[in-house]
């Protein structure tokens, strides 16, 4: 019963082996496109005054990369996205850039492992990644605090790493809800399209 709820049937994603092995130029194209989208979407949200820490647009394509293409792509997209965004727009600010890199990299890595290796359903892969990413964020914040004696979040400076992580979660709950509702739907649609393409070929 539990396995039926948690474990998904293998999905016919023909692009997965190409991207995972990174032996084909298309794998790098997919990674570039996902990083580009992950930089562009937050920029668009800022133009409409949709707060990034609230709606978490930078998380979406990192999580999708892990779910669709496996842990390698998820890790690479998660690592490159905040660095590229900072280089292009200066966001996220340098003071929080290291912890954002750790957080997003963990999202992509864990989502890919849970989906690719354990074959969990998207909703459980997302949940596991969200928990792991925020634990990694807590460890990153704690490490920074122990090193420099001060930490910073979009909500301002704080002295307690637990308060920082809780504040981030509290502010970002709308984004979490959006991700849990939207991303499994996208994966389902991609699976349907891939199945239809496989049957038509």
Protein backbone atom coordinates (compact mmCIF):
# COMPACT_ATOMS: atom_id res chain seq x y z
CA UNK A 1 0.00 0.00 0.00
CA UNK A 2 2.74 2.44 1.00
CA UNK A 3 4.85 1.54 -2.02
CA UNK A 4 1.83 2.07 -4.30
CA UNK A 5 1.37 5.57 -2.89
CA UNK A 6 5.05 6.55 -2.86
CA UNK A 7 6.62 4.70 -5.79
CA UNK A 8 5.89 5.77 -9.32
CA UNK A 9 5.81 3.66 -12.45
CA UNK A 10 8.90 4.24 -14.60
CA UNK A 11 8.26 7.14 -16.94
CA UNK A 12 9.35 7.00 -20.59
CA UNK A 13 11.50 10.13 -20.69
CA UNK A 14 13.78 9.48 -23.65
CA UNK A 15 15.81 12.63 -22.93
CA UNK A 16 16.90 11.47 -19.47
CA UNK A 17 19.86 9.23 -20.44
CA UNK A 18 21.23 11.93 -22.77
CA UNK A 19 21.18 14.61 -20.08
CA UNK A 20 22.41 12.39 -17.27
CA UNK A 21 25.52 11.24 -19.12
CA UNK A 22 26.48 14.70 -20.41
CA UNK A 23 28.06 13.10 -23.47
CA UNK A 24 25.86 14.95 -25.95
CA UNK A 25 25.64 18.64 -26.72
CA UNK A 26 21.88 18.50 -26.09
CA UNK A 27 22.49 17.81 -22.40
CA UNK A 28 24.33 21.12 -22.07
CA UNK A 29 21.60 22.87 -24.04
CA UNK A 30 18.94 21.60 -21.62
CA UNK A 31 21.01 22.73 -18.64
CA UNK A 32 21.61 26.16 -20.19
CA UNK A 33 17.90 26.61 -20.95
CA UNK A 34 16.87 25.67 -17.41
CA UNK A 35 19.41 28.03 -15.85
CA UNK A 36 18.28 30.79 -18.21
CA UNK A 37 14.63 30.24 -17.29
CA UNK A 38 15.53 30.13 -13.61
CA UNK A 39 17.19 33.53 -13.92
CA UNK A 40 14.53 35.06 -16.18
CA UNK A 41 11.43 34.06 -14.19
CA UNK A 42 12.57 35.72 -10.91
CA UNK A 43 13.51 38.84 -12.89
CA UNK A 44 10.00 38.95 -14.38
CA UNK A 45 8.49 38.44 -10.93
CA UNK A 46 10.48 41.39 -9.61
CA UNK A 47 9.11 43.57 -12.42
CA UNK A 48 5.61 42.86 -11.09
CA UNK A 49 6.75 43.37 -7.47
CA UNK A 50 6.27 39.67 -6.62
CA UNK A 51 8.74 39.11 -3.79
CA UNK A 52 11.24 36.36 -4.56
CA UNK A 53 11.55 35.15 -0.94
CA UNK A 54 7.74 34.77 -0.86
CA UNK A 55 7.01 33.10 -4.19
CA UNK A 56 10.40 31.35 -4.63
CA UNK A 57 10.52 31.48 -8.45
CA UNK A 58 14.20 30.52 -8.49
CA UNK A 59 13.36 27.10 -7.03
CA UNK A 60 11.00 25.97 -9.77
CA UNK A 61 13.35 25.04 -12.60
CA UNK A 62 15.93 23.60 -10.22
CA UNK A 63 13.30 21.17 -8.94
CA UNK A 64 12.07 20.47 -12.46
CA UNK A 65 15.61 19.75 -13.63
CA UNK A 66 16.07 17.17 -10.88
CA UNK A 67 12.70 15.53 -11.58
CA UNK A 68 13.01 15.44 -15.37
CA UNK A 69 16.72 14.89 -15.92
CA UNK A 70 18.07 13.37 -12.71
CA UNK A 71 20.38 14.42 -9.92
CA UNK A 72 23.32 15.59 -12.04
CA UNK A 73 21.23 18.11 -13.95
CA UNK A 74 19.42 19.16 -10.78
CA UNK A 75 22.71 19.75 -8.97
CA UNK A 76 24.26 21.69 -11.84
CA UNK A 77 21.19 23.88 -12.41
CA UNK A 78 20.88 24.49 -8.67
CA UNK A 79 24.54 25.47 -8.40
CA UNK A 80 24.72 27.67 -11.50
CA UNK A 81 21.37 29.47 -11.19
CA UNK A 82 22.14 31.77 -8.20
CA UNK A 83 25.67 32.43 -9.47
CA UNK A 84 24.39 33.36 -12.92
CA UNK A 85 21.61 35.48 -11.46
CA UNK A 86 24.09 37.35 -9.28
CA UNK A 87 26.43 37.93 -12.22
CA UNK A 88 23.58 39.26 -14.37
CA UNK A 89 21.41 41.18 -11.92
CA UNK A 90 23.24 41.29 -8.59
CA UNK A 91 20.50 39.13 -7.02
CA UNK A 92 20.58 37.40 -4.65
CA UNK A 93 22.82 39.82 -2.81
CA UNK A 94 26.36 38.70 -2.08
CA UNK A 95 25.73 38.36 1.66
CA UNK A 96 23.24 35.55 1.15
CA UNK A 97 24.62 34.10 -2.10
CA UNK A 98 26.61 31.23 -0.48
CA UNK A 99 23.63 29.93 1.47
CA UNK A 100 21.35 30.22 -1.57
CA UNK A 101 23.86 28.20 -3.63
CA UNK A 102 23.89 25.47 -0.97
CA UNK A 103 20.09 25.47 -0.67
CA UNK A 104 19.33 25.32 -4.42
CA UNK A 105 22.04 22.75 -5.12
CA UNK A 106 20.55 20.51 -2.46
CA UNK A 107 17.06 20.87 -3.95
CA UNK A 108 18.26 19.75 -7.37
CA UNK A 109 20.46 16.97 -6.05
CA UNK A 110 17.94 15.41 -3.65
CA UNK A 111 14.98 15.76 -6.02
CA UNK A 112 16.94 13.95 -8.71
CA UNK A 113 18.11 11.18 -6.38
CA UNK A 114 14.63 10.54 -4.98
CA UNK A 115 13.04 10.52 -8.44
CA UNK A 116 15.79 8.86 -10.46
CA UNK A 117 17.27 6.36 -8.01
CA UNK A 118 14.34 5.62 -5.67
CA UNK A 119 11.62 6.23 -8.30
CA UNK A 120 9.44 8.15 -5.84
CA UNK A 121 6.43 10.01 -7.12
CA UNK A 122 7.04 13.70 -7.91
CA UNK A 123 5.11 14.96 -4.88
CA UNK A 124 7.25 12.90 -2.47
CA UNK A 125 10.46 13.75 -4.30
CA UNK A 126 9.57 17.43 -3.98
CA UNK A 127 8.69 17.09 -0.30
CA UNK A 128 11.94 15.28 0.49
CA UNK A 129 13.95 17.84 -1.45
CA UNK A 130 12.23 20.78 0.24
CA UNK A 131 12.98 19.38 3.68
CA UNK A 132 16.58 18.51 2.75
CA UNK A 133 17.18 21.90 1.13
CA UNK A 134 16.03 23.77 4.19
CA UNK A 135 18.13 21.57 6.46
CA UNK A 136 21.11 22.32 4.20
CA UNK A 137 20.22 26.01 4.41
CA UNK A 138 20.24 25.75 8.20
CA UNK A 139 23.68 24.12 8.18
CA UNK A 140 25.00 26.76 5.77
CA UNK A 141 23.62 29.57 7.91
CA UNK A 142 25.08 27.97 11.04
CA UNK A 143 28.48 27.59 9.37
CA UNK A 144 28.45 31.23 8.29
CA UNK A 145 27.40 32.32 11.78
CA UNK A 146 30.19 30.31 13.44
CA UNK A 147 32.70 31.70 10.96
CA UNK A 148 31.85 35.41 10.84
CA UNK A 149 29.58 35.79 13.87
CA UNK A 150 26.73 37.30 11.88
CA UNK A 151 24.19 36.08 9.37
CA UNK A 152 21.91 37.84 6.94
CA UNK A 153 18.64 36.95 5.24
CA UNK A 154 16.26 38.89 2.98
CA UNK A 155 14.38 39.65 6.19
CA UNK A 156 17.42 41.34 7.73
CA UNK A 157 20.24 40.41 10.08
CA UNK A 158 19.60 37.82 12.74
CA UNK A 159 21.67 36.20 15.47
CA UNK A 160 20.03 32.77 15.66
CA UNK A 161 20.32 30.37 12.69
CA UNK A 162 17.08 28.63 13.69
CA UNK A 163 15.24 31.94 13.59
CA UNK A 164 16.70 32.62 10.14
CA UNK A 165 15.55 29.28 8.71
CA UNK A 166 12.12 29.57 10.29
CA UNK A 167 11.73 33.11 8.94
CA UNK A 168 12.64 31.91 5.44
CA UNK A 169 10.10 29.06 5.64
CA UNK A 170 7.42 31.32 7.09
CA UNK A 171 7.84 33.93 4.38
CA UNK A 172 8.11 31.36 1.57
CA UNK A 173 5.02 29.25 2.26
CA UNK A 174 3.09 30.65 -0.77
CA UNK A 175 5.95 29.54 -3.01
CA UNK A 176 6.01 26.10 -1.39
CA UNK A 177 2.29 25.67 -2.06
CA UNK A 178 2.71 26.80 -5.67
CA UNK A 179 5.57 24.34 -6.21
CA UNK A 180 3.67 21.39 -4.71
CA UNK A 181 0.62 22.19 -6.85
CA UNK A 182 2.28 23.19 -10.12
CA UNK A 183 5.39 21.02 -10.53
CA UNK A 184 3.68 17.58 -10.28
CA UNK A 185 1.19 18.79 -12.89
CA UNK A 186 4.05 19.77 -15.22
CA UNK A 187 5.70 16.36 -14.70
CA UNK A 188 2.39 14.61 -15.45
CA UNK A 189 1.96 16.60 -18.66
CA UNK A 190 5.52 15.85 -19.76
CA UNK A 191 4.93 12.17 -19.03
CA UNK A 192 1.76 12.20 -21.13
CA UNK A 193 3.54 13.89 -24.03
CA UNK A 194 6.46 11.47 -23.81
CA UNK A 195 4.10 8.47 -23.75
CA UNK A 196 2.18 9.76 -26.74
CA UNK A 197 5.40 10.39 -28.63
CA UNK A 198 6.69 6.90 -27.79
CA UNK A 199 3.47 5.30 -29.04
CA UNK A 200 3.49 7.37 -32.22
CA UNK A 201 7.09 6.55 -33.13
